[in-house]
Each structure stands twice: as C-alpha cells, then as structure tokens.
PDB file of all heavy atoms in Angstrom:
ATOM      1  N   SER A   1     -10.595   9.477   7.005  1.00  0.00           N
ATOM      2  CA  SER A   1     -10.416  10.877   6.647  1.00  0.00           C
ATOM      3  C   SER A   1     -10.564  11.762   7.877  1.00  0.00           C
ATOM      4  O   SER A   1     -11.131  11.354   8.896  1.00  0.00           O
ATOM      5  CB  SER A   1     -11.419  11.294   5.576  1.00  0.00           C
ATOM      6  OG  SER A   1     -12.737  11.184   6.070  1.00  0.00           O
ATOM      7  N   TYR A   2     -10.038  12.966   7.736  1.00  0.00           N
ATOM      8  CA  TYR A   2     -10.068  13.945   8.829  1.00  0.00           C
ATOM      9  C   TYR A   2      -9.966  15.327   8.223  1.00  0.00           C
ATOM     10  O   TYR A   2      -9.218  15.542   7.265  1.00  0.00           O
ATOM     11  CB  TYR A   2      -8.887  13.693   9.774  1.00  0.00           C
ATOM     12  CG  TYR A   2      -8.822  14.623  10.955  1.00  0.00           C
ATOM     13  CD1 TYR A   2      -9.703  14.488  12.025  1.00  0.00           C
ATOM     14  CD2 TYR A   2      -7.871  15.631  11.009  1.00  0.00           C
ATOM     15  CE1 TYR A   2      -9.637  15.339  13.114  1.00  0.00           C
ATOM     16  CE2 TYR A   2      -7.794  16.483  12.101  1.00  0.00           C
ATOM     17  CZ  TYR A   2      -8.688  16.330  13.151  1.00  0.00           C
ATOM     18  OH  TYR A   2      -8.625  17.176  14.233  1.00  0.00           O
ATOM     19  N   ARG A   3     -10.727  16.268   8.763  1.00  0.00           N
ATOM     20  CA  ARG A   3     -10.667  17.656   8.328  1.00  0.00           C
ATOM     21  C   ARG A   3     -10.357  18.526   9.537  1.00  0.00           C
ATOM     22  O   ARG A   3     -10.852  18.268  10.636  1.00  0.00           O
ATOM     23  CB  ARG A   3     -12.002  18.103   7.732  1.00  0.00           C
ATOM     24  CG  ARG A   3     -12.362  17.331   6.479  1.00  0.00           C
ATOM     25  CD  ARG A   3     -13.746  17.653   5.998  1.00  0.00           C
ATOM     26  NE  ARG A   3     -14.697  17.305   7.057  1.00  0.00           N
ATOM     27  CZ  ARG A   3     -15.952  17.699   7.093  1.00  0.00           C
ATOM     28  NH1 ARG A   3     -16.432  18.470   6.142  1.00  0.00           N
ATOM     29  NH2 ARG A   3     -16.750  17.344   8.066  1.00  0.00           N
ATOM     30  N   TYR A   4      -9.537  19.553   9.313  1.00  0.00           N
ATOM     31  CA  TYR A   4      -9.253  20.472  10.409  1.00  0.00           C
ATOM     32  C   TYR A   4      -9.082  21.886   9.890  1.00  0.00           C
ATOM     33  O   TYR A   4      -8.746  22.105   8.737  1.00  0.00           O
ATOM     34  CB  TYR A   4      -8.023  20.022  11.206  1.00  0.00           C
ATOM     35  CG  TYR A   4      -6.707  20.052  10.468  1.00  0.00           C
ATOM     36  CD1 TYR A   4      -5.853  21.142  10.571  1.00  0.00           C
ATOM     37  CD2 TYR A   4      -6.307  18.972   9.687  1.00  0.00           C
ATOM     38  CE1 TYR A   4      -4.633  21.162   9.906  1.00  0.00           C
ATOM     39  CE2 TYR A   4      -5.093  18.983   9.025  1.00  0.00           C
ATOM     40  CZ  TYR A   4      -4.267  20.084   9.138  1.00  0.00           C
ATOM     41  OH  TYR A   4      -3.066  20.096   8.481  1.00  0.00           O
ATOM     42  N   ARG A   5      -9.349  22.813  10.795  1.00  0.00           N
ATOM     43  CA  ARG A   5      -9.259  24.230  10.444  1.00  0.00           C
ATOM     44  C   ARG A   5      -7.806  24.696  10.585  1.00  0.00           C
ATOM     45  O   ARG A   5      -7.116  24.336  11.522  1.00  0.00           O
ATOM     46  CB  ARG A   5     -10.164  25.053  11.337  1.00  0.00           C
ATOM     47  CG  ARG A   5     -11.627  24.663  11.153  1.00  0.00           C
ATOM     48  CD  ARG A   5     -12.547  25.775  11.549  1.00  0.00           C
ATOM     49  NE  ARG A   5     -13.930  25.351  11.498  1.00  0.00           N
ATOM     50  CZ  ARG A   5     -14.711  25.472  10.431  1.00  0.00           C
ATOM     51  NH1 ARG A   5     -14.244  26.009   9.328  1.00  0.00           N
ATOM     52  NH2 ARG A   5     -15.968  25.060  10.469  1.00  0.00           N
ATOM     53  N   PHE A   6      -7.390  25.492   9.635  1.00  0.00           N
ATOM     54  CA  PHE A   6      -6.032  26.004   9.607  1.00  0.00           C
ATOM     55  C   PHE A   6      -5.986  27.471  10.021  1.00  0.00           C
ATOM     56  O   PHE A   6      -5.007  27.936  10.569  1.00  0.00           O
ATOM     57  CB  PHE A   6      -5.469  25.827   8.192  1.00  0.00           C
ATOM     58  CG  PHE A   6      -4.029  26.171   8.059  1.00  0.00           C
ATOM     59  CD1 PHE A   6      -3.051  25.332   8.576  1.00  0.00           C
ATOM     60  CD2 PHE A   6      -3.635  27.333   7.423  1.00  0.00           C
ATOM     61  CE1 PHE A   6      -1.703  25.656   8.450  1.00  0.00           C
ATOM     62  CE2 PHE A   6      -2.294  27.659   7.290  1.00  0.00           C
ATOM     63  CZ  PHE A   6      -1.335  26.807   7.810  1.00  0.00           C
ATOM     64  N   HIS A   7      -7.073  28.182   9.771  1.00  0.00           N
ATOM     65  CA  HIS A   7      -7.152  29.620  10.038  1.00  0.00           C
ATOM     66  C   HIS A   7      -7.997  29.891  11.279  1.00  0.00           C
ATOM     67  O   HIS A   7      -8.938  29.166  11.571  1.00  0.00           O
ATOM     68  CB  HIS A   7      -7.757  30.352   8.832  1.00  0.00           C
ATOM     69  CG  HIS A   7      -6.975  30.164   7.576  1.00  0.00           C
ATOM     70  ND1 HIS A   7      -5.800  30.830   7.320  1.00  0.00           N
ATOM     71  CD2 HIS A   7      -7.178  29.356   6.501  1.00  0.00           C
ATOM     72  CE1 HIS A   7      -5.330  30.470   6.147  1.00  0.00           C
ATOM     73  NE2 HIS A   7      -6.146  29.573   5.627  1.00  0.00           N
ATOM     74  N   PRO A   8      -7.695  30.979  12.001  1.00  0.00           N
ATOM     75  CA  PRO A   8      -8.483  31.329  13.194  1.00  0.00           C
ATOM     76  C   PRO A   8      -9.892  31.800  12.806  1.00  0.00           C
ATOM     77  O   PRO A   8     -10.114  32.235  11.669  1.00  0.00           O
ATOM     78  CB  PRO A   8      -7.671  32.463  13.839  1.00  0.00           C
ATOM     79  CG  PRO A   8      -6.856  33.031  12.735  1.00  0.00           C
ATOM     80  CD  PRO A   8      -6.594  31.913  11.765  1.00  0.00           C
ATOM     81  N   PRO A   9     -10.848  31.736  13.746  1.00  0.00           N
ATOM     82  CA  PRO A   9     -12.236  32.100  13.451  1.00  0.00           C
ATOM     83  C   PRO A   9     -12.417  33.511  12.880  1.00  0.00           C
ATOM     84  O   PRO A   9     -13.319  33.742  12.081  1.00  0.00           O
ATOM     85  CB  PRO A   9     -12.940  31.984  14.806  1.00  0.00           C
ATOM     86  CG  PRO A   9     -12.089  31.071  15.603  1.00  0.00           C
ATOM     87  CD  PRO A   9     -10.682  31.259  15.107  1.00  0.00           C
ATOM     88  N   GLU A  10     -11.554  34.447  13.247  1.00  0.00           N
ATOM     89  CA  GLU A  10     -11.711  35.816  12.756  1.00  0.00           C
ATOM     90  C   GLU A  10     -11.193  36.004  11.323  1.00  0.00           C
ATOM     91  O   GLU A  10     -11.411  37.044  10.707  1.00  0.00           O
ATOM     92  CB  GLU A  10     -11.034  36.822  13.697  1.00  0.00           C
ATOM     93  CG  GLU A  10      -9.550  36.626  13.878  1.00  0.00           C
ATOM     94  CD  GLU A  10      -9.154  35.577  14.924  1.00  0.00           C
ATOM     95  OE1 GLU A  10     -10.027  34.935  15.519  1.00  0.00           O
ATOM     96  OE2 GLU A  10      -7.939  35.413  15.114  1.00  0.00           O
ATOM     97  N   SER A  11     -10.541  35.006  10.790  1.00  0.00           N
ATOM     98  CA  SER A  11      -9.977  35.100   9.442  1.00  0.00           C
ATOM     99  C   SER A  11     -11.061  34.929   8.367  1.00  0.00           C
ATOM    100  O   SER A  11     -11.950  34.086   8.503  1.00  0.00           O
ATOM    101  CB  SER A  11      -8.921  34.010   9.246  1.00  0.00           C
ATOM    102  OG  SER A  11      -8.517  33.954   7.900  1.00  0.00           O
ATOM    103  N   PRO A  12     -10.966  35.684   7.272  1.00  0.00           N
ATOM    104  CA  PRO A  12     -11.898  35.470   6.162  1.00  0.00           C
ATOM    105  C   PRO A  12     -11.688  34.106   5.496  1.00  0.00           C
ATOM    106  O   PRO A  12     -12.546  33.631   4.769  1.00  0.00           O
ATOM    107  CB  PRO A  12     -11.587  36.608   5.188  1.00  0.00           C
ATOM    108  CG  PRO A  12     -10.348  37.266   5.664  1.00  0.00           C
ATOM    109  CD  PRO A  12     -10.067  36.807   7.061  1.00  0.00           C
ATOM    110  N   SER A  13     -10.554  33.464   5.771  1.00  0.00           N
ATOM    111  CA  SER A  13     -10.256  32.139   5.207  1.00  0.00           C
ATOM    112  C   SER A  13     -10.636  30.997   6.147  1.00  0.00           C
ATOM    113  O   SER A  13     -10.262  29.843   5.913  1.00  0.00           O
ATOM    114  CB  SER A  13      -8.763  32.043   4.881  1.00  0.00           C
ATOM    115  OG  SER A  13      -8.409  33.000   3.916  1.00  0.00           O
ATOM    116  N   PHE A  14     -11.377  31.288   7.205  1.00  0.00           N
ATOM    117  CA  PHE A  14     -11.736  30.286   8.219  1.00  0.00           C
ATOM    118  C   PHE A  14     -12.388  29.047   7.608  1.00  0.00           C
ATOM    119  O   PHE A  14     -12.194  27.940   8.098  1.00  0.00           O
ATOM    120  CB  PHE A  14     -12.662  30.918   9.259  1.00  0.00           C
ATOM    121  CG  PHE A  14     -13.022  30.013  10.399  1.00  0.00           C
ATOM    122  CD1 PHE A  14     -12.058  29.577  11.308  1.00  0.00           C
ATOM    123  CD2 PHE A  14     -14.335  29.602  10.587  1.00  0.00           C
ATOM    124  CE1 PHE A  14     -12.399  28.758  12.375  1.00  0.00           C
ATOM    125  CE2 PHE A  14     -14.677  28.776  11.650  1.00  0.00           C
ATOM    126  CZ  PHE A  14     -13.708  28.355  12.547  1.00  0.00           C
ATOM    127  N   GLU A  15     -13.169  29.217   6.545  1.00  0.00           N
ATOM    128  CA  GLU A  15     -13.872  28.091   5.935  1.00  0.00           C
ATOM    129  C   GLU A  15     -12.969  27.247   5.037  1.00  0.00           C
ATOM    130  O   GLU A  15     -13.368  26.172   4.598  1.00  0.00           O
ATOM    131  CB  GLU A  15     -15.087  28.582   5.155  1.00  0.00           C
ATOM    132  CG  GLU A  15     -16.144  29.172   6.081  1.00  0.00           C
ATOM    133  CD  GLU A  15     -17.345  29.715   5.336  1.00  0.00           C
ATOM    134  OE1 GLU A  15     -17.181  30.232   4.206  1.00  0.00           O
ATOM    135  OE2 GLU A  15     -18.453  29.631   5.893  1.00  0.00           O
ATOM    136  N   ARG A  16     -11.764  27.709   4.774  1.00  0.00           N
ATOM    137  CA  ARG A  16     -10.795  26.915   3.995  1.00  0.00           C
ATOM    138  C   ARG A  16     -10.043  26.021   4.967  1.00  0.00           C
ATOM    139  O   ARG A  16      -9.268  26.488   5.791  1.00  0.00           O
ATOM    140  CB  ARG A  16      -9.825  27.830   3.253  1.00  0.00           C
ATOM    141  CG  ARG A  16     -10.522  28.656   2.191  1.00  0.00           C
ATOM    142  CD  ARG A  16      -9.549  29.418   1.377  1.00  0.00           C
ATOM    143  NE  ARG A  16      -8.814  28.444   0.553  1.00  0.00           N
ATOM    144  CZ  ARG A  16      -7.719  28.734  -0.129  1.00  0.00           C
ATOM    145  NH1 ARG A  16      -7.225  29.935  -0.102  1.00  0.00           N
ATOM    146  NH2 ARG A  16      -7.120  27.813  -0.833  1.00  0.00           N
ATOM    147  N   CYS A  17     -10.290  24.741   4.873  1.00  0.00           N
ATOM    148  CA  CYS A  17      -9.730  23.776   5.824  1.00  0.00           C
ATOM    149  C   CYS A  17      -8.838  22.779   5.096  1.00  0.00           C
ATOM    150  O   CYS A  17      -8.816  22.714   3.871  1.00  0.00           O
ATOM    151  CB  CYS A  17     -10.868  23.034   6.530  1.00  0.00           C
ATOM    152  SG  CYS A  17     -11.950  24.136   7.460  1.00  0.00           S
ATOM    153  N   ILE A  18      -8.118  21.993   5.887  1.00  0.00           N
ATOM    154  CA  ILE A  18      -7.284  20.933   5.340  1.00  0.00           C
ATOM    155  C   ILE A  18      -8.056  19.622   5.467  1.00  0.00           C
ATOM    156  O   ILE A  18      -8.593  19.306   6.530  1.00  0.00           O
ATOM    157  CB  ILE A  18      -5.958  20.790   6.129  1.00  0.00           C
ATOM    158  CG1 ILE A  18      -5.223  22.118   6.228  1.00  0.00           C
ATOM    159  CG2 ILE A  18      -5.081  19.693   5.523  1.00  0.00           C
ATOM    160  CD1 ILE A  18      -4.689  22.661   4.942  1.00  0.00           C
ATOM    161  N   GLY A  19      -8.116  18.888   4.382  1.00  0.00           N
ATOM    162  CA  GLY A  19      -8.746  17.575   4.390  1.00  0.00           C
ATOM    163  C   GLY A  19      -7.692  16.522   4.099  1.00  0.00           C
ATOM    164  O   GLY A  19      -6.923  16.651   3.136  1.00  0.00           O
ATOM    165  N   LEU A  20      -7.626  15.510   4.940  1.00  0.00           N
ATOM    166  CA  LEU A  20      -6.695  14.403   4.741  1.00  0.00           C
ATOM    167  C   LEU A  20      -7.493  13.113   4.565  1.00  0.00           C
ATOM    168  O   LEU A  20      -8.529  12.925   5.214  1.00  0.00           O
ATOM    169  CB  LEU A  20      -5.772  14.240   5.954  1.00  0.00           C
ATOM    170  CG  LEU A  20      -4.848  15.406   6.282  1.00  0.00           C
ATOM    171  CD1 LEU A  20      -4.190  15.197   7.643  1.00  0.00           C
ATOM    172  CD2 LEU A  20      -3.791  15.555   5.202  1.00  0.00           C
ATOM    173  N   ALA A  21      -7.021  12.229   3.711  1.00  0.00           N
ATOM    174  CA  ALA A  21      -7.618  10.903   3.536  1.00  0.00           C
ATOM    175  C   ALA A  21      -6.469   9.917   3.414  1.00  0.00           C
ATOM    176  O   ALA A  21      -5.419  10.246   2.850  1.00  0.00           O
ATOM    177  CB  ALA A  21      -8.491  10.873   2.287  1.00  0.00           C
ATOM    178  N   TRP A  22      -6.640   8.712   3.966  1.00  0.00           N
ATOM    179  CA  TRP A  22      -5.541   7.758   3.927  1.00  0.00           C
ATOM    180  C   TRP A  22      -6.013   6.322   3.980  1.00  0.00           C
ATOM    181  O   TRP A  22      -7.135   6.029   4.371  1.00  0.00           O
ATOM    182  CB  TRP A  22      -4.546   8.022   5.060  1.00  0.00           C
ATOM    183  CG  TRP A  22      -5.091   7.800   6.440  1.00  0.00           C
ATOM    184  CD1 TRP A  22      -5.012   6.658   7.190  1.00  0.00           C
ATOM    185  CD2 TRP A  22      -5.807   8.742   7.244  1.00  0.00           C
ATOM    186  NE1 TRP A  22      -5.626   6.840   8.409  1.00  0.00           N
ATOM    187  CE2 TRP A  22      -6.126   8.113   8.458  1.00  0.00           C
ATOM    188  CE3 TRP A  22      -6.208  10.067   7.053  1.00  0.00           C
ATOM    189  CZ2 TRP A  22      -6.823   8.763   9.479  1.00  0.00           C
ATOM    190  CZ3 TRP A  22      -6.902  10.698   8.066  1.00  0.00           C
ATOM    191  CH2 TRP A  22      -7.199  10.048   9.258  1.00  0.00           C
ATOM    192  N   CYS A  23      -5.122   5.425   3.570  1.00  0.00           N
ATOM    193  CA  CYS A  23      -5.341   3.979   3.628  1.00  0.00           C
ATOM    194  C   CYS A  23      -4.362   3.404   4.641  1.00  0.00           C
ATOM    195  O   CYS A  23      -3.145   3.508   4.449  1.00  0.00           O
ATOM    196  CB  CYS A  23      -5.111   3.341   2.260  1.00  0.00           C
ATOM    197  SG  CYS A  23      -5.135   1.523   2.324  1.00  0.00           S
ATOM    198  N   SER A  24      -4.880   2.816   5.698  1.00  0.00           N
ATOM    199  CA  SER A  24      -4.020   2.213   6.721  1.00  0.00           C
ATOM    200  C   SER A  24      -3.278   1.003   6.186  1.00  0.00           C
ATOM    201  O   SER A  24      -2.177   0.701   6.639  1.00  0.00           O
ATOM    202  CB  SER A  24      -4.865   1.782   7.930  1.00  0.00           C
ATOM    203  OG  SER A  24      -5.483   2.891   8.511  1.00  0.00           O
ATOM    204  N   GLY A  25      -3.864   0.299   5.242  1.00  0.00           N
ATOM    205  CA  GLY A  25      -3.233  -0.895   4.688  1.00  0.00           C
ATOM    206  C   GLY A  25      -2.025  -0.572   3.824  1.00  0.00           C
ATOM    207  O   GLY A  25      -0.960  -1.164   3.973  1.00  0.00           O
ATOM    208  N   CYS A  26      -2.181   0.369   2.925  1.00  0.00           N
ATOM    209  CA  CYS A  26      -1.095   0.740   2.005  1.00  0.00           C
ATOM    210  C   CYS A  26      -0.184   1.828   2.558  1.00  0.00           C
ATOM    211  O   CYS A  26       0.886   2.068   2.018  1.00  0.00           O
ATOM    212  CB  CYS A  26      -1.682   1.224   0.674  1.00  0.00           C
ATOM    213  SG  CYS A  26      -2.504  -0.060  -0.268  1.00  0.00           S
ATOM    214  N   ARG A  27      -0.630   2.506   3.627  1.00  0.00           N
ATOM    215  CA  ARG A  27       0.108   3.611   4.245  1.00  0.00           C
ATOM    216  C   ARG A  27       0.332   4.748   3.250  1.00  0.00           C
ATOM    217  O   ARG A  27       1.380   5.357   3.187  1.00  0.00           O
ATOM    218  CB  ARG A  27       1.439   3.140   4.838  1.00  0.00           C
ATOM    219  CG  ARG A  27       1.358   1.934   5.740  1.00  0.00           C
ATOM    220  CD  ARG A  27       1.212   2.166   7.152  1.00  0.00           C
ATOM    221  NE  ARG A  27       2.271   2.934   7.756  1.00  0.00           N
ATOM    222  CZ  ARG A  27       2.223   3.302   9.010  1.00  0.00           C
ATOM    223  NH1 ARG A  27       1.204   2.963   9.745  1.00  0.00           N
ATOM    224  NH2 ARG A  27       3.174   4.015   9.531  1.00  0.00           N
ATOM    225  N   VAL A  28      -0.699   5.034   2.475  1.00  0.00           N
ATOM    226  CA  VAL A  28      -0.669   6.121   1.507  1.00  0.00           C
ATOM    227  C   VAL A  28      -1.730   7.138   1.925  1.00  0.00           C
ATOM    228  O   VAL A  28      -2.752   6.775   2.509  1.00  0.00           O
ATOM    229  CB  VAL A  28      -0.915   5.598   0.071  1.00  0.00           C
ATOM    230  CG1 VAL A  28      -2.272   4.954  -0.074  1.00  0.00           C
ATOM    231  CG2 VAL A  28      -0.710   6.678  -0.962  1.00  0.00           C
ATOM    232  N   TYR A  29      -1.463   8.420   1.649  1.00  0.00           N
ATOM    233  CA  TYR A  29      -2.427   9.444   2.006  1.00  0.00           C
ATOM    234  C   TYR A  29      -2.418  10.568   0.986  1.00  0.00           C
ATOM    235  O   TYR A  29      -1.506  10.689   0.172  1.00  0.00           O
ATOM    236  CB  TYR A  29      -2.158   9.998   3.410  1.00  0.00           C
ATOM    237  CG  TYR A  29      -0.976  10.940   3.501  1.00  0.00           C
ATOM    238  CD1 TYR A  29      -1.165  12.314   3.471  1.00  0.00           C
ATOM    239  CD2 TYR A  29       0.323  10.455   3.617  1.00  0.00           C
ATOM    240  CE1 TYR A  29      -0.088  13.180   3.565  1.00  0.00           C
ATOM    241  CE2 TYR A  29       1.400  11.317   3.703  1.00  0.00           C
ATOM    242  CZ  TYR A  29       1.188  12.678   3.675  1.00  0.00           C
ATOM    243  OH  TYR A  29       2.254  13.533   3.757  1.00  0.00           O
ATOM    244  N   SER A  30      -3.466  11.382   1.049  1.00  0.00           N
ATOM    245  CA  SER A  30      -3.534  12.576   0.230  1.00  0.00           C
ATOM    246  C   SER A  30      -4.116  13.694   1.079  1.00  0.00           C
ATOM    247  O   SER A  30      -4.773  13.443   2.089  1.00  0.00           O
ATOM    248  CB  SER A  30      -4.390  12.347  -1.022  1.00  0.00           C
ATOM    249  OG  SER A  30      -5.710  12.008  -0.649  1.00  0.00           O
ATOM    250  N   GLY A  31      -3.843  14.904   0.679  1.00  0.00           N
ATOM    251  CA  GLY A  31      -4.350  16.061   1.399  1.00  0.00           C
ATOM    252  C   GLY A  31      -4.722  17.157   0.428  1.00  0.00           C
ATOM    253  O   GLY A  31      -4.141  17.267  -0.652  1.00  0.00           O
ATOM    254  N   SER A  32      -5.724  17.937   0.815  1.00  0.00           N
ATOM    255  CA  SER A  32      -6.149  19.042  -0.043  1.00  0.00           C
ATOM    256  C   SER A  32      -6.891  20.083   0.783  1.00  0.00           C
ATOM    257  O   SER A  32      -7.272  19.831   1.927  1.00  0.00           O
ATOM    258  CB  SER A  32      -7.049  18.529  -1.173  1.00  0.00           C
ATOM    259  OG  SER A  32      -8.220  17.948  -0.619  1.00  0.00           O
ATOM    260  N   MET A  33      -7.095  21.245   0.175  1.00  0.00           N
ATOM    261  CA  MET A  33      -7.921  22.274   0.799  1.00  0.00           C
ATOM    262  C   MET A  33      -9.369  21.884   0.551  1.00  0.00           C
ATOM    263  O   MET A  33      -9.725  21.468  -0.554  1.00  0.00           O
ATOM    264  CB  MET A  33      -7.643  23.642   0.181  1.00  0.00           C
ATOM    265  CG  MET A  33      -6.259  24.182   0.435  1.00  0.00           C
ATOM    266  SD  MET A  33      -5.882  24.443   2.181  1.00  0.00           S
ATOM    267  CE  MET A  33      -6.892  25.837   2.563  1.00  0.00           C
ATOM    268  N   VAL A  34     -10.200  22.009   1.592  1.00  0.00           N
ATOM    269  CA  VAL A  34     -11.618  21.704   1.481  1.00  0.00           C
ATOM    270  C   VAL A  34     -12.417  22.830   2.122  1.00  0.00           C
ATOM    271  O   VAL A  34     -11.907  23.543   2.988  1.00  0.00           O
ATOM    272  CB  VAL A  34     -11.974  20.350   2.143  1.00  0.00           C
ATOM    273  CG1 VAL A  34     -11.286  19.188   1.436  1.00  0.00           C
ATOM    274  CG2 VAL A  34     -11.613  20.345   3.616  1.00  0.00           C
ATOM    275  N   HIS A  35     -13.637  22.992   1.703  1.00  0.00           N
ATOM    276  CA  HIS A  35     -14.515  24.017   2.275  1.00  0.00           C
ATOM    277  C   HIS A  35     -15.346  23.380   3.384  1.00  0.00           C
ATOM    278  O   HIS A  35     -15.955  22.325   3.191  1.00  0.00           O
ATOM    279  CB  HIS A  35     -15.439  24.588   1.209  1.00  0.00           C
ATOM    280  CG  HIS A  35     -16.387  25.605   1.756  1.00  0.00           C
ATOM    281  ND1 HIS A  35     -17.628  25.269   2.241  1.00  0.00           N
ATOM    282  CD2 HIS A  35     -16.259  26.936   1.926  1.00  0.00           C
ATOM    283  CE1 HIS A  35     -18.237  26.354   2.670  1.00  0.00           C
ATOM    284  NE2 HIS A  35     -17.425  27.389   2.495  1.00  0.00           N
ATOM    285  N   VAL A  36     -15.343  24.005   4.558  1.00  0.00           N
ATOM    286  CA  VAL A  36     -16.190  23.587   5.677  1.00  0.00           C
ATOM    287  C   VAL A  36     -16.896  24.850   6.156  1.00  0.00           C
ATOM    288  O   VAL A  36     -16.240  25.832   6.516  1.00  0.00           O
ATOM    289  CB  VAL A  36     -15.364  22.952   6.826  1.00  0.00           C
ATOM    290  CG1 VAL A  36     -16.263  22.596   7.995  1.00  0.00           C
ATOM    291  CG2 VAL A  36     -14.603  21.732   6.338  1.00  0.00           C
ATOM    292  N   SER A  37     -18.217  24.818   6.163  1.00  0.00           N
ATOM    293  CA  SER A  37     -18.968  26.018   6.533  1.00  0.00           C
ATOM    294  C   SER A  37     -18.579  26.502   7.923  1.00  0.00           C
ATOM    295  O   SER A  37     -18.212  25.721   8.803  1.00  0.00           O
ATOM    296  CB  SER A  37     -20.468  25.769   6.452  1.00  0.00           C
ATOM    297  OG  SER A  37     -20.852  24.836   7.433  1.00  0.00           O
ATOM    298  N   ARG A  38     -18.664  27.783   8.093  1.00  0.00           N
ATOM    299  CA  ARG A  38     -18.271  28.448   9.336  1.00  0.00           C
ATOM    300  C   ARG A  38     -18.998  27.868  10.546  1.00  0.00           C
ATOM    301  O   ARG A  38     -18.433  27.734  11.620  1.00  0.00           O
ATOM    302  CB  ARG A  38     -18.553  29.945   9.200  1.00  0.00           C
ATOM    303  CG  ARG A  38     -18.017  30.782  10.326  1.00  0.00           C
ATOM    304  CD  ARG A  38     -18.095  32.261  10.002  1.00  0.00           C
ATOM    305  NE  ARG A  38     -17.068  32.710   9.071  1.00  0.00           N
ATOM    306  CZ  ARG A  38     -15.815  32.995   9.427  1.00  0.00           C
ATOM    307  NH1 ARG A  38     -15.439  32.889  10.667  1.00  0.00           N
ATOM    308  NH2 ARG A  38     -14.936  33.398   8.530  1.00  0.00           N
ATOM    309  N   GLY A  39     -20.250  27.478  10.386  1.00  0.00           N
ATOM    310  CA  GLY A  39     -21.049  26.979  11.498  1.00  0.00           C
ATOM    311  C   GLY A  39     -20.792  25.526  11.870  1.00  0.00           C
ATOM    312  O   GLY A  39     -21.215  25.061  12.932  1.00  0.00           O
ATOM    313  N   GLN A  40     -20.096  24.782  11.035  1.00  0.00           N
ATOM    314  CA  GLN A  40     -19.841  23.372  11.319  1.00  0.00           C
ATOM    315  C   GLN A  40     -18.675  23.231  12.289  1.00  0.00           C
ATOM    316  O   GLN A  40     -17.602  23.782  12.073  1.00  0.00           O
ATOM    317  CB  GLN A  40     -19.546  22.597  10.041  1.00  0.00           C
ATOM    318  CG  GLN A  40     -19.409  21.111  10.286  1.00  0.00           C
ATOM    319  CD  GLN A  40     -19.274  20.326   8.987  1.00  0.00           C
ATOM    320  OE1 GLN A  40     -19.389  20.874   7.899  1.00  0.00           O
ATOM    321  NE2 GLN A  40     -19.024  19.047   9.111  1.00  0.00           N
ATOM    322  N   VAL A  41     -18.909  22.493  13.360  1.00  0.00           N
ATOM    323  CA  VAL A  41     -17.877  22.262  14.365  1.00  0.00           C
ATOM    324  C   VAL A  41     -17.106  20.999  13.972  1.00  0.00           C
ATOM    325  O   VAL A  41     -17.700  19.966  13.694  1.00  0.00           O
ATOM    326  CB  VAL A  41     -18.500  22.098  15.766  1.00  0.00           C
ATOM    327  CG1 VAL A  41     -17.437  21.766  16.795  1.00  0.00           C
ATOM    328  CG2 VAL A  41     -19.267  23.353  16.160  1.00  0.00           C
TER     329      VAL A  41
END
C-alpha cells in the first residue's frame, strides 16, 4: 500500500489523501480517498 497527498499544504483538503493498495501476484489494485492528519509526513 501507499498513500500520497493530492492537495497542497495551504488547502483545507490537505488531509484528504489518495490511498492505493495492490497485489503483486494478481496485479489487481484499489484506490480510495483516505484521511491523513496534517502533521503526518
């Protein structure tokens, strides 16, 4: 899995991030919006 920020730090949506999860064996993945606190790097 991997999470990344989509919005810049000054945005009120900064804590709304993209979360991806995948299986290397089946080559299938899913993605969704996830909450990551502003202070988490």
